[in-house]
C-alpha atoms as a PDB file:
ATOM      1  CA  MET A   1      23.338 102.064 144.111  1.00  0.00           C
ATOM      2  CA  HIS A   2      24.933 105.129 142.323  1.00  0.00           C
ATOM      3  CA  SER A   3      22.382 104.432 139.452  1.00  0.00           C
ATOM      4  CA  HIS A   4      19.185 104.260 141.968  1.00  0.00           C
ATOM      5  CA  SER A   5      20.581 107.435 143.858  1.00  0.00           C
ATOM      6  CA  HIS A   6      20.851 109.262 140.634  1.00  0.00           C
ATOM      7  CA  ASP A   7      17.207 108.189 139.525  1.00  0.00           C
ATOM      8  CA  ASP A   8      15.759 109.664 142.807  1.00  0.00           C
ATOM      9  CA  GLU A   9      17.305 112.720 142.470  1.00  0.00           C
ATOM     10  CA  SER A  10      16.184 113.287 138.743  1.00  0.00           C
ATOM     11  CA  ASN A  11      12.549 112.068 140.157  1.00  0.00           C
ATOM     12  CA  ALA A  12      12.911 114.763 143.168  1.00  0.00           C
ATOM     13  CA  ARG A  13      13.786 117.599 140.575  1.00  0.00           C
ATOM     14  CA  ILE A  14      11.121 116.764 138.081  1.00  0.00           C
ATOM     15  CA  GLY A  15       8.569 116.586 141.321  1.00  0.00           C
ATOM     16  CA  TRP A  16       9.758 120.406 142.414  1.00  0.00           C
ATOM     17  CA  ALA A  17       9.257 121.483 138.823  1.00  0.00           C
ATOM     18  CA  PHE A  18       5.975 120.028 138.572  1.00  0.00           C
ATOM     19  CA  PHE A  19       4.480 121.800 141.954  1.00  0.00           C
ATOM     20  CA  LEU A  20       6.014 124.684 141.252  1.00  0.00           C
ATOM     21  CA  ASN A  21       4.527 125.079 137.346  1.00  0.00           C
ATOM     22  CA  VAL A  22       0.904 123.802 138.620  1.00  0.00           C
ATOM     23  CA  GLY A  23       0.745 126.632 141.225  1.00  0.00           C
ATOM     24  CA  PHE A  24       2.098 129.110 139.041  1.00  0.00           C
ATOM     25  CA  THR A  25      -0.077 128.278 135.922  1.00  0.00           C
ATOM     26  CA  ILE A  26      -3.149 128.639 137.921  1.00  0.00           C
ATOM     27  CA  ILE A  27      -2.338 132.288 139.009  1.00  0.00           C
ATOM     28  CA  GLU A  28      -1.206 133.049 135.549  1.00  0.00           C
ATOM     29  CA  PHE A  29      -4.703 132.137 134.078  1.00  0.00           C
ATOM     30  CA  ILE A  30      -6.404 134.376 136.576  1.00  0.00           C
ATOM     31  CA  GLY A  31      -3.635 137.149 135.968  1.00  0.00           C
ATOM     32  CA  GLY A  32      -4.241 136.695 132.052  1.00  0.00           C
ATOM     33  CA  VAL A  33      -7.745 137.195 132.590  1.00  0.00           C
ATOM     34  CA  LEU A  34      -7.477 140.590 135.019  1.00  0.00           C
ATOM     35  CA  THR A  35      -4.893 142.293 132.987  1.00  0.00           C
ATOM     36  CA  ASN A  36      -6.191 141.165 129.424  1.00  0.00           C
ATOM     37  CA  SER A  37      -3.158 140.482 128.158  1.00  0.00           C
ATOM     38  CA  THR A  38      -2.568 137.751 125.513  1.00  0.00           C
ATOM     39  CA  ALA A  39       1.136 137.446 126.151  1.00  0.00           C
ATOM     40  CA  ILE A  40       0.256 136.394 129.621  1.00  0.00           C
ATOM     41  CA  MET A  41      -2.274 134.124 128.428  1.00  0.00           C
ATOM     42  CA  ALA A  42       0.175 132.666 125.895  1.00  0.00           C
ATOM     43  CA  ASP A  43       2.668 131.853 128.997  1.00  0.00           C
ATOM     44  CA  ALA A  44      -0.309 130.630 130.930  1.00  0.00           C
ATOM     45  CA  VAL A  45      -1.378 127.854 128.188  1.00  0.00           C
ATOM     46  CA  HIS A  46       2.370 127.005 127.553  1.00  0.00           C
ATOM     47  CA  ASP A  47       2.662 126.389 131.267  1.00  0.00           C
ATOM     48  CA  LEU A  48      -0.384 124.432 131.268  1.00  0.00           C
ATOM     49  CA  GLY A  49       0.930 122.149 128.726  1.00  0.00           C
ATOM     50  CA  ASP A  50       4.154 122.252 130.850  1.00  0.00           C
ATOM     51  CA  SER A  51       2.545 121.317 133.804  1.00  0.00           C
ATOM     52  CA  LEU A  52       0.560 118.368 131.992  1.00  0.00           C
ATOM     53  CA  SER A  53       3.979 117.193 130.433  1.00  0.00           C
ATOM     54  CA  ILE A  54       6.330 117.524 133.828  1.00  0.00           C
ATOM     55  CA  GLY A  55       3.472 115.432 135.475  1.00  0.00           C
ATOM     56  CA  LEU A  56       3.363 112.619 132.931  1.00  0.00           C
ATOM     57  CA  ALA A  57       7.260 112.697 132.857  1.00  0.00           C
ATOM     58  CA  TRP A  58       7.554 112.546 136.647  1.00  0.00           C
ATOM     59  CA  ILE A  59       4.975 109.382 136.750  1.00  0.00           C
ATOM     60  CA  LEU A  60       6.994 107.865 133.600  1.00  0.00           C
ATOM     61  CA  ALA A  61      10.413 108.597 135.402  1.00  0.00           C
ATOM     62  CA  LYS A  62       9.361 106.708 138.633  1.00  0.00           C
ATOM     63  CA  LEU A  63       7.818 103.786 136.374  1.00  0.00           C
ATOM     64  CA  GLY A  64      11.127 103.731 134.460  1.00  0.00           C
ATOM     65  CA  ASN A  65      12.884 102.667 137.660  1.00  0.00           C
ATOM     66  CA  ARG A  66      11.330  99.495 137.921  1.00  0.00           C
ATOM     67  CA  PRO A  67      13.869  96.532 137.605  1.00  0.00           C
ATOM     68  CA  ALA A  68      13.940  94.229 134.269  1.00  0.00           C
ATOM     69  CA  SER A  69      11.366  91.686 133.759  1.00  0.00           C
ATOM     70  CA  GLN A  70      11.276  88.764 131.480  1.00  0.00           C
ATOM     71  CA  ASN A  71       9.136  90.762 128.849  1.00  0.00           C
ATOM     72  CA  PHE A  72      11.276  93.955 129.354  1.00  0.00           C
ATOM     73  CA  SER A  73      14.795  92.579 129.404  1.00  0.00           C
ATOM     74  CA  TYR A  74      16.562  95.993 129.377  1.00  0.00           C
ATOM     75  CA  GLY A  75      14.153  97.695 131.828  1.00  0.00           C
ATOM     76  CA  TYR A  76      12.045 100.513 131.495  1.00  0.00           C
ATOM     77  CA  LYS A  77      14.336 103.325 130.992  1.00  0.00           C
ATOM     78  CA  ARG A  78      12.930 104.060 127.572  1.00  0.00           C
ATOM     79  CA  LEU A  79       9.721 105.116 129.299  1.00  0.00           C
ATOM     80  CA  SER A  80      11.379 108.629 129.807  1.00  0.00           C
ATOM     81  CA  LEU A  81      11.900 109.076 126.030  1.00  0.00           C
ATOM     82  CA  LEU A  82       8.066 108.462 125.652  1.00  0.00           C
ATOM     83  CA  GLY A  83       7.566 111.498 128.166  1.00  0.00           C
ATOM     84  CA  SER A  84       9.834 113.379 126.335  1.00  0.00           C
ATOM     85  CA  LEU A  85       8.246 112.646 123.142  1.00  0.00           C
ATOM     86  CA  ILE A  86       4.760 113.392 124.243  1.00  0.00           C
ATOM     87  CA  ASN A  87       5.977 116.615 126.292  1.00  0.00           C
ATOM     88  CA  GLY A  88       7.114 117.887 122.635  1.00  0.00           C
ATOM     89  CA  ILE A  89       3.789 116.921 121.151  1.00  0.00           C
ATOM     90  CA  VAL A  90       1.853 118.898 123.879  1.00  0.00           C
ATOM     91  CA  LEU A  91       3.980 121.905 123.622  1.00  0.00           C
ATOM     92  CA  ILE A  92       3.504 121.819 119.767  1.00  0.00           C
ATOM     93  CA  ALA A  93      -0.166 121.775 119.840  1.00  0.00           C
ATOM     94  CA  GLY A  94      -0.253 124.461 122.673  1.00  0.00           C
ATOM     95  CA  SER A  95       1.599 126.945 120.676  1.00  0.00           C
ATOM     96  CA  ALA A  96      -0.251 126.405 117.500  1.00  0.00           C
ATOM     97  CA  TRP A  97      -3.467 127.574 119.749  1.00  0.00           C
ATOM     98  CA  VAL A  98      -1.625 130.554 121.038  1.00  0.00           C
ATOM     99  CA  LEU A  99      -0.927 131.414 117.452  1.00  0.00           C
ATOM    100  CA  TYR A 100      -4.632 131.120 116.312  1.00  0.00           C
ATOM    101  CA  GLN A 101      -5.800 133.224 119.253  1.00  0.00           C
ATOM    102  CA  SER A 102      -2.936 135.913 118.991  1.00  0.00           C
ATOM    103  CA  ILE A 103      -2.194 136.542 115.226  1.00  0.00           C
ATOM    104  CA  PRO A 104      -6.082 138.098 114.858  1.00  0.00           C
ATOM    105  CA  ARG A 105      -5.084 140.842 117.810  1.00  0.00           C
ATOM    106  CA  LEU A 106      -2.794 142.152 115.525  1.00  0.00           C
ATOM    107  CA  SER A 107      -5.565 143.863 113.456  1.00  0.00           C
ATOM    108  CA  ASP A 108      -7.544 144.778 116.779  1.00  0.00           C
ATOM    109  CA  PRO A 109      -4.989 145.094 119.645  1.00  0.00           C
ATOM    110  CA  GLU A 110      -6.450 146.140 123.216  1.00  0.00           C
ATOM    111  CA  MET A 111      -4.291 147.912 126.099  1.00  0.00           C
ATOM    112  CA  PRO A 112      -3.578 145.282 128.820  1.00  0.00           C
ATOM    113  CA  VAL A 113      -3.291 146.242 132.713  1.00  0.00           C
ATOM    114  CA  THR A 114       0.459 147.185 132.745  1.00  0.00           C
ATOM    115  CA  GLU A 115       0.992 147.278 136.333  1.00  0.00           C
ATOM    116  CA  GLY A 116      -0.453 143.553 136.447  1.00  0.00           C
ATOM    117  CA  MET A 117       1.810 142.606 133.891  1.00  0.00           C
ATOM    118  CA  LEU A 118       4.946 143.768 135.494  1.00  0.00           C
ATOM    119  CA  ALA A 119       3.986 142.326 138.789  1.00  0.00           C
ATOM    120  CA  LEU A 120       3.253 138.654 137.138  1.00  0.00           C
ATOM    121  CA  SER A 121       6.515 139.162 134.881  1.00  0.00           C
ATOM    122  CA  ILE A 122       8.577 139.445 138.188  1.00  0.00           C
ATOM    123  CA  PHE A 123       6.917 136.610 139.791  1.00  0.00           C
ATOM    124  CA  GLY A 124       7.271 134.156 136.525  1.00  0.00           C
ATOM    125  CA  ILE A 125      10.915 135.064 136.556  1.00  0.00           C
ATOM    126  CA  ALA A 126      11.479 133.947 140.244  1.00  0.00           C
ATOM    127  CA  VAL A 127       9.509 130.675 139.705  1.00  0.00           C
ATOM    128  CA  ASN A 128      10.422 129.481 136.707  1.00  0.00           C
ATOM    129  CA  GLY A 129      14.101 130.539 137.019  1.00  0.00           C
ATOM    130  CA  PHE A 130      14.260 128.558 140.339  1.00  0.00           C
ATOM    131  CA  ALA A 131      12.741 125.493 138.945  1.00  0.00           C
ATOM    132  CA  ALA A 132      14.978 125.717 135.675  1.00  0.00           C
ATOM    133  CA  PHE A 133      17.722 125.696 138.359  1.00  0.00           C
ATOM    134  CA  LYS A 134      16.591 122.691 139.784  1.00  0.00           C
ATOM    135  CA  LEU A 135      16.389 120.731 136.394  1.00  0.00           C
ATOM    136  CA  SER A 136      19.693 122.023 134.924  1.00  0.00           C
ATOM    137  CA  LYS A 137      21.574 119.334 136.995  1.00  0.00           C
ATOM    138  CA  GLY A 138      19.580 116.626 135.328  1.00  0.00           C
ATOM    139  CA  LYS A 139      21.278 114.482 132.688  1.00  0.00           C
ATOM    140  CA  THR A 140      18.570 112.521 131.023  1.00  0.00           C
ATOM    141  CA  MET A 141      16.773 113.558 127.924  1.00  0.00           C
ATOM    142  CA  ASN A 142      13.586 113.822 129.774  1.00  0.00           C
ATOM    143  CA  GLU A 143      15.066 116.534 132.260  1.00  0.00           C
ATOM    144  CA  LYS A 144      16.827 118.382 129.364  1.00  0.00           C
ATOM    145  CA  VAL A 145      13.441 118.611 127.548  1.00  0.00           C
ATOM    146  CA  LEU A 146      11.742 119.883 130.751  1.00  0.00           C
ATOM    147  CA  ASN A 147      14.648 122.293 131.336  1.00  0.00           C
ATOM    148  CA  TRP A 148      14.224 124.059 127.890  1.00  0.00           C
ATOM    149  CA  HIS A 149      10.467 124.381 128.435  1.00  0.00           C
ATOM    150  CA  LEU A 150      11.343 126.298 132.066  1.00  0.00           C
ATOM    151  CA  LEU A 151      14.017 128.305 130.466  1.00  0.00           C
ATOM    152  CA  GLU A 152      11.680 129.436 127.556  1.00  0.00           C
ATOM    153  CA  ASP A 153       9.495 130.416 130.246  1.00  0.00           C
ATOM    154  CA  VAL A 154      11.864 132.456 132.023  1.00  0.00           C
ATOM    155  CA  LEU A 155      13.030 134.117 128.528  1.00  0.00           C
ATOM    156  CA  GLY A 156       9.118 134.677 128.032  1.00  0.00           C
ATOM    157  CA  TRP A 157       8.622 136.541 131.364  1.00  0.00           C
ATOM    158  CA  VAL A 158      11.726 138.516 130.791  1.00  0.00           C
ATOM    159  CA  ALA A 159      10.120 139.884 127.509  1.00  0.00           C
ATOM    160  CA  VAL A 160       6.847 140.443 129.215  1.00  0.00           C
ATOM    161  CA  PHE A 161       8.750 142.486 131.993  1.00  0.00           C
ATOM    162  CA  VAL A 162      10.288 144.589 129.348  1.00  0.00           C
ATOM    163  CA  VAL A 163       6.965 145.251 127.312  1.00  0.00           C
ATOM    164  CA  SER A 164       4.877 146.076 130.310  1.00  0.00           C
ATOM    165  CA  ILE A 165       7.738 148.763 131.406  1.00  0.00           C
ATOM    166  CA  VAL A 166       7.449 150.115 128.111  1.00  0.00           C
ATOM    167  CA  LEU A 167       3.624 150.300 127.852  1.00  0.00           C
ATOM    168  CA  MET A 168       3.495 152.209 131.072  1.00  0.00           C
ATOM    169  CA  PHE A 169       5.272 154.973 128.909  1.00  0.00           C
ATOM    170  CA  VAL A 170       3.899 154.407 125.625  1.00  0.00           C
ATOM    171  CA  GLU A 171       0.454 153.161 124.475  1.00  0.00           C
ATOM    172  CA  TRP A 172       1.480 150.624 121.953  1.00  0.00           C
ATOM    173  CA  PRO A 173      -0.856 147.678 122.908  1.00  0.00           C
ATOM    174  CA  ILE A 174       0.064 145.777 119.446  1.00  0.00           C
ATOM    175  CA  LEU A 175       3.406 144.991 121.474  1.00  0.00           C
ATOM    176  CA  ASP A 176       1.143 142.304 123.446  1.00  0.00           C
ATOM    177  CA  PRO A 177       0.227 140.093 120.531  1.00  0.00           C
ATOM    178  CA  ILE A 178       3.572 140.694 118.693  1.00  0.00           C
ATOM    179  CA  LEU A 179       5.290 139.300 122.197  1.00  0.00           C
ATOM    180  CA  ALA A 180       2.934 136.295 122.238  1.00  0.00           C
ATOM    181  CA  ILE A 181       3.825 135.334 118.435  1.00  0.00           C
ATOM    182  CA  GLY A 182       7.177 135.974 119.065  1.00  0.00           C
ATOM    183  CA  PHE A 183       7.641 133.810 122.233  1.00  0.00           C
ATOM    184  CA  THR A 184       5.629 131.117 120.674  1.00  0.00           C
ATOM    185  CA  LEU A 185       7.671 130.752 117.657  1.00  0.00           C
ATOM    186  CA  PHE A 186      10.726 130.864 119.465  1.00  0.00           C
ATOM    187  CA  ILE A 187       9.273 128.072 121.398  1.00  0.00           C
ATOM    188  CA  LEU A 188       8.373 126.132 118.164  1.00  0.00           C
ATOM    189  CA  PHE A 189      11.956 126.184 117.165  1.00  0.00           C
ATOM    190  CA  ASN A 190      13.405 124.681 120.134  1.00  0.00           C
ATOM    191  CA  VAL A 191      11.040 122.163 120.459  1.00  0.00           C
ATOM    192  CA  LEU A 192      11.012 120.840 117.134  1.00  0.00           C
ATOM    193  CA  ARG A 193      14.726 120.359 117.419  1.00  0.00           C
ATOM    194  CA  ASN A 194      14.298 118.605 120.916  1.00  0.00           C
ATOM    195  CA  VAL A 195      11.502 116.197 119.427  1.00  0.00           C
ATOM    196  CA  GLY A 196      13.811 115.348 116.495  1.00  0.00           C
ATOM    197  CA  SER A 197      16.768 114.364 118.997  1.00  0.00           C
ATOM    198  CA  THR A 198      14.148 112.220 120.947  1.00  0.00           C
ATOM    199  CA  LEU A 199      12.867 110.647 117.740  1.00  0.00           C
ATOM    200  CA  LYS A 200      16.391 109.590 116.874  1.00  0.00           C
ATOM    201  CA  LEU A 201      17.029 107.942 120.154  1.00  0.00           C
ATOM    202  CA  PHE A 202      13.731 106.106 119.627  1.00  0.00           C
ATOM    203  CA  LEU A 203      14.657 104.867 116.421  1.00  0.00           C
ATOM    204  CA  GLN A 204      18.142 103.713 118.042  1.00  0.00           C
ATOM    205  CA  GLY A 205      20.354 106.191 116.456  1.00  0.00           C
ATOM    206  CA  VAL A 206      23.848 106.627 117.722  1.00  0.00           C
ATOM    207  CA  PRO A 207      23.619 108.987 120.916  1.00  0.00           C
ATOM    208  CA  ASP A 208      26.944 110.600 120.499  1.00  0.00           C
ATOM    209  CA  LYS A 209      29.317 110.529 117.593  1.00  0.00           C
ATOM    210  CA  ASN A 210      32.277 111.402 119.400  1.00  0.00           C
ATOM    211  CA  LEU A 211      31.639 108.752 121.839  1.00  0.00           C
ATOM    212  CA  ALA A 212      31.609 105.975 119.187  1.00  0.00           C
ATOM    213  CA  LYS A 213      34.734 107.116 117.729  1.00  0.00           C
ATOM    214  CA  LYS A 214      36.391 106.900 120.746  1.00  0.00           C
ATOM    215  CA  ILE A 215      34.964 103.279 121.512  1.00  0.00           C
ATOM    216  CA  GLU A 216      36.169 102.214 117.942  1.00  0.00           C
ATOM    217  CA  SER A 217      39.670 103.732 118.678  1.00  0.00           C
ATOM    218  CA  LYS A 218      39.797 101.912 121.946  1.00  0.00           C
ATOM    219  CA  LEU A 219      39.115  98.877 120.061  1.00  0.00           C
ATOM    220  CA  LYS A 220      41.681  99.486 117.516  1.00  0.00           C
ATOM    221  CA  SER A 221      44.450 100.334 119.995  1.00  0.00           C
ATOM    222  CA  ILE A 222      44.328  96.469 121.315  1.00  0.00           C
ATOM    223  CA  PRO A 223      46.801  94.423 119.075  1.00  0.00           C
ATOM    224  CA  GLU A 224      44.964  91.186 119.620  1.00  0.00           C
ATOM    225  CA  PHE A 225      42.081  92.437 118.023  1.00  0.00           C
ATOM    226  CA  GLN A 226      42.331  91.842 114.040  1.00  0.00           C
ATOM    227  CA  SER A 227      39.268  93.602 113.109  1.00  0.00           C
ATOM    228  CA  PHE A 228      35.581  94.240 114.633  1.00  0.00           C
ATOM    229  CA  HIS A 229      32.366  94.732 112.979  1.00  0.00           C
ATOM    230  CA  HIS A 230      28.467  94.668 114.118  1.00  0.00           C
ATOM    231  CA  LEU A 231      29.207  97.768 116.220  1.00  0.00           C
ATOM    232  CA  HIS A 232      26.250  98.850 117.459  1.00  0.00           C
ATOM    233  CA  LEU A 233      25.746 101.970 119.975  1.00  0.00           C
ATOM    234  CA  TRP A 234      22.322 103.177 120.947  1.00  0.00           C
ATOM    235  CA  SER A 235      20.639 104.604 124.116  1.00  0.00           C
ATOM    236  CA  LEU A 236      17.883 103.514 126.356  1.00  0.00           C
ATOM    237  CA  ASP A 237      17.154 106.936 127.569  1.00  0.00           C
ATOM    238  CA  GLY A 238      19.662 109.716 126.492  1.00  0.00           C
ATOM    239  CA  GLU A 239      21.701 108.578 129.356  1.00  0.00           C
ATOM    240  CA  HIS A 240      22.007 104.894 129.815  1.00  0.00           C
ATOM    241  CA  HIS A 241      24.064 103.460 126.467  1.00  0.00           C
ATOM    242  CA  VAL A 242      24.009  99.998 124.981  1.00  0.00           C
ATOM    243  CA  LEU A 243      27.149  98.805 123.101  1.00  0.00           C
ATOM    244  CA  THR A 244      27.240  95.643 121.296  1.00  0.00           C
ATOM    245  CA  VAL A 245      30.261  94.467 119.031  1.00  0.00           C
ATOM    246  CA  HIS A 246      31.740  91.534 117.259  1.00  0.00           C
ATOM    247  CA  ILE A 247      35.407  91.144 117.704  1.00  0.00           C
ATOM    248  CA  GLU A 248      37.749  89.076 115.316  1.00  0.00           C
ATOM    249  CA  LEU A 249      41.099  87.746 117.265  1.00  0.00           C
ATOM    250  CA  ASN A 250      44.098  87.085 115.865  1.00  0.00           C
ATOM    251  CA  ALA A 251      45.171  83.481 115.213  1.00  0.00           C
ATOM    252  CA  SER A 252      47.785  83.238 117.628  1.00  0.00           C
ATOM    253  CA  VAL A 253      45.249  83.887 120.701  1.00  0.00           C
ATOM    254  CA  SER A 254      44.615  81.049 123.060  1.00  0.00           C
ATOM    255  CA  LEU A 255      41.718  80.502 125.236  1.00  0.00           C
ATOM    256  CA  GLU A 256      43.728  81.797 128.264  1.00  0.00           C
ATOM    257  CA  ASP A 257      44.489  84.821 126.513  1.00  0.00           C
ATOM    258  CA  GLN A 258      40.836  85.449 125.594  1.00  0.00           C
ATOM    259  CA  ARG A 259      39.977  85.426 129.259  1.00  0.00           C
ATOM    260  CA  THR A 260      43.002  88.058 129.807  1.00  0.00           C
ATOM    261  CA  LEU A 261      41.729  90.014 126.804  1.00  0.00           C
ATOM    262  CA  LYS A 262      38.081  90.106 128.369  1.00  0.00           C
ATOM    263  CA  GLN A 263      39.299  91.667 131.590  1.00  0.00           C
ATOM    264  CA  ARG A 264      41.462  94.189 129.503  1.00  0.00           C
ATOM    265  CA  LEU A 265      38.554  95.336 127.411  1.00  0.00           C
ATOM    266  CA  SER A 266      36.289  95.450 130.470  1.00  0.00           C
ATOM    267  CA  GLN A 267      38.839  97.699 131.867  1.00  0.00           C
ATOM    268  CA  GLU A 268      39.128  99.971 128.388  1.00  0.00           C
ATOM    269  CA  LEU A 269      35.450 100.312 128.422  1.00  0.00           C
ATOM    270  CA  SER A 270      34.958 101.313 131.837  1.00  0.00           C
ATOM    271  CA  GLU A 271      35.602 105.124 131.397  1.00  0.00           C
ATOM    272  CA  PHE A 272      32.661 105.312 129.158  1.00  0.00           C
ATOM    273  CA  ASP A 273      29.943 103.992 131.755  1.00  0.00           C
ATOM    274  CA  LEU A 274      27.915 101.890 129.594  1.00  0.00           C
ATOM    275  CA  SER A 275      24.834 100.350 130.827  1.00  0.00           C
ATOM    276  CA  HIS A 276      24.786  97.141 128.797  1.00  0.00           C
ATOM    277  CA  THR A 277      27.944  95.844 126.789  1.00  0.00           C
ATOM    278  CA  THR A 278      27.504  92.503 124.857  1.00  0.00           C
ATOM    279  CA  VAL A 279      30.920  91.573 123.253  1.00  0.00           C
ATOM    280  CA  GLU A 280      31.339  88.243 120.830  1.00  0.00           C
ATOM    281  CA  PHE A 281      34.968  87.101 120.095  1.00  0.00           C
ATOM    282  CA  GLU A 282      35.172  85.239 116.636  1.00  0.00           C
ATOM    283  CA  LEU A 283      38.163  83.249 115.998  1.00  0.00           C
ATOM    284  CA  ASP A 284      40.537  83.974 112.947  1.00  0.00           C
ATOM    285  CA  ASN A 285      38.640  83.212 109.644  1.00  0.00           C
ATOM    286  CA  GLU A 286      35.356  82.323 111.480  1.00  0.00           C
ATOM    287  CA  HIS A 287      32.353  82.886 110.065  1.00  0.00           C
ATOM    288  CA  CYS A 288      29.900  85.448 111.505  1.00  0.00           C
ATOM    289  CA  ARG A 289      26.481  84.105 111.989  1.00  0.00           C
ATOM    290  CA  ASP A 290      25.095  87.717 111.621  1.00  0.00           C
ATOM    291  CA  GLN A 291      26.551  88.265 108.087  1.00  0.00           C
END
């Protein structure tokens, strides 16, 4: 029940972010044309990509809550990882387009309408700040990537706010394309990092090295366990982790002791809140079929 409640809250947060972003993106494009600002158009293109990404993430997150089936025995949680990866790809493509449009403006800058820039920046900080606050409570990889999108938007609008005030007093139109390029490069750096983290989870890399070490320490602390191997820790979506391990028992462990050990091991691992756990006990000197 707790898991379903958490997933519903996650979907609600992503839904909020989606509708806020779509509405504001329309306003941004209109404002970018009226103010003749490449910085605002850069934000508009970025937010358009965000809106598409958030909408896709929202749909995939809902589909991910479907129960496991015969063909998908672990369920559909990894769909949110697919959404996270697509988010990153869309943002990278949008950033490349903004750079393509902004770099030529360095040699031929045009003065934007500063009053309009200032008004849009204040509105942008408020809208994106509220959406980022809603998603900051999320723990899934999807929500973390989307939250980065929105935080970048907030920082971008803060920069537009500062530049619009400067341009009110000094006629330096080149600041507009410089801001667009700087903001876009900052986005690319963080998006590439998040895409790397998502690819690691896709490839079933260890989601948290510290968590893996703690699990190993727990297993080593039980004296009836002689050794363990084939310990695999991976994640369905960055939040729901899966653990499998083979444990070799001491020669003195009886069948009744094994039942007790299973209960003890379950208690020891409960603090890690693992979604799926598969443990295989092997008797002393028993050949492991996976080696």
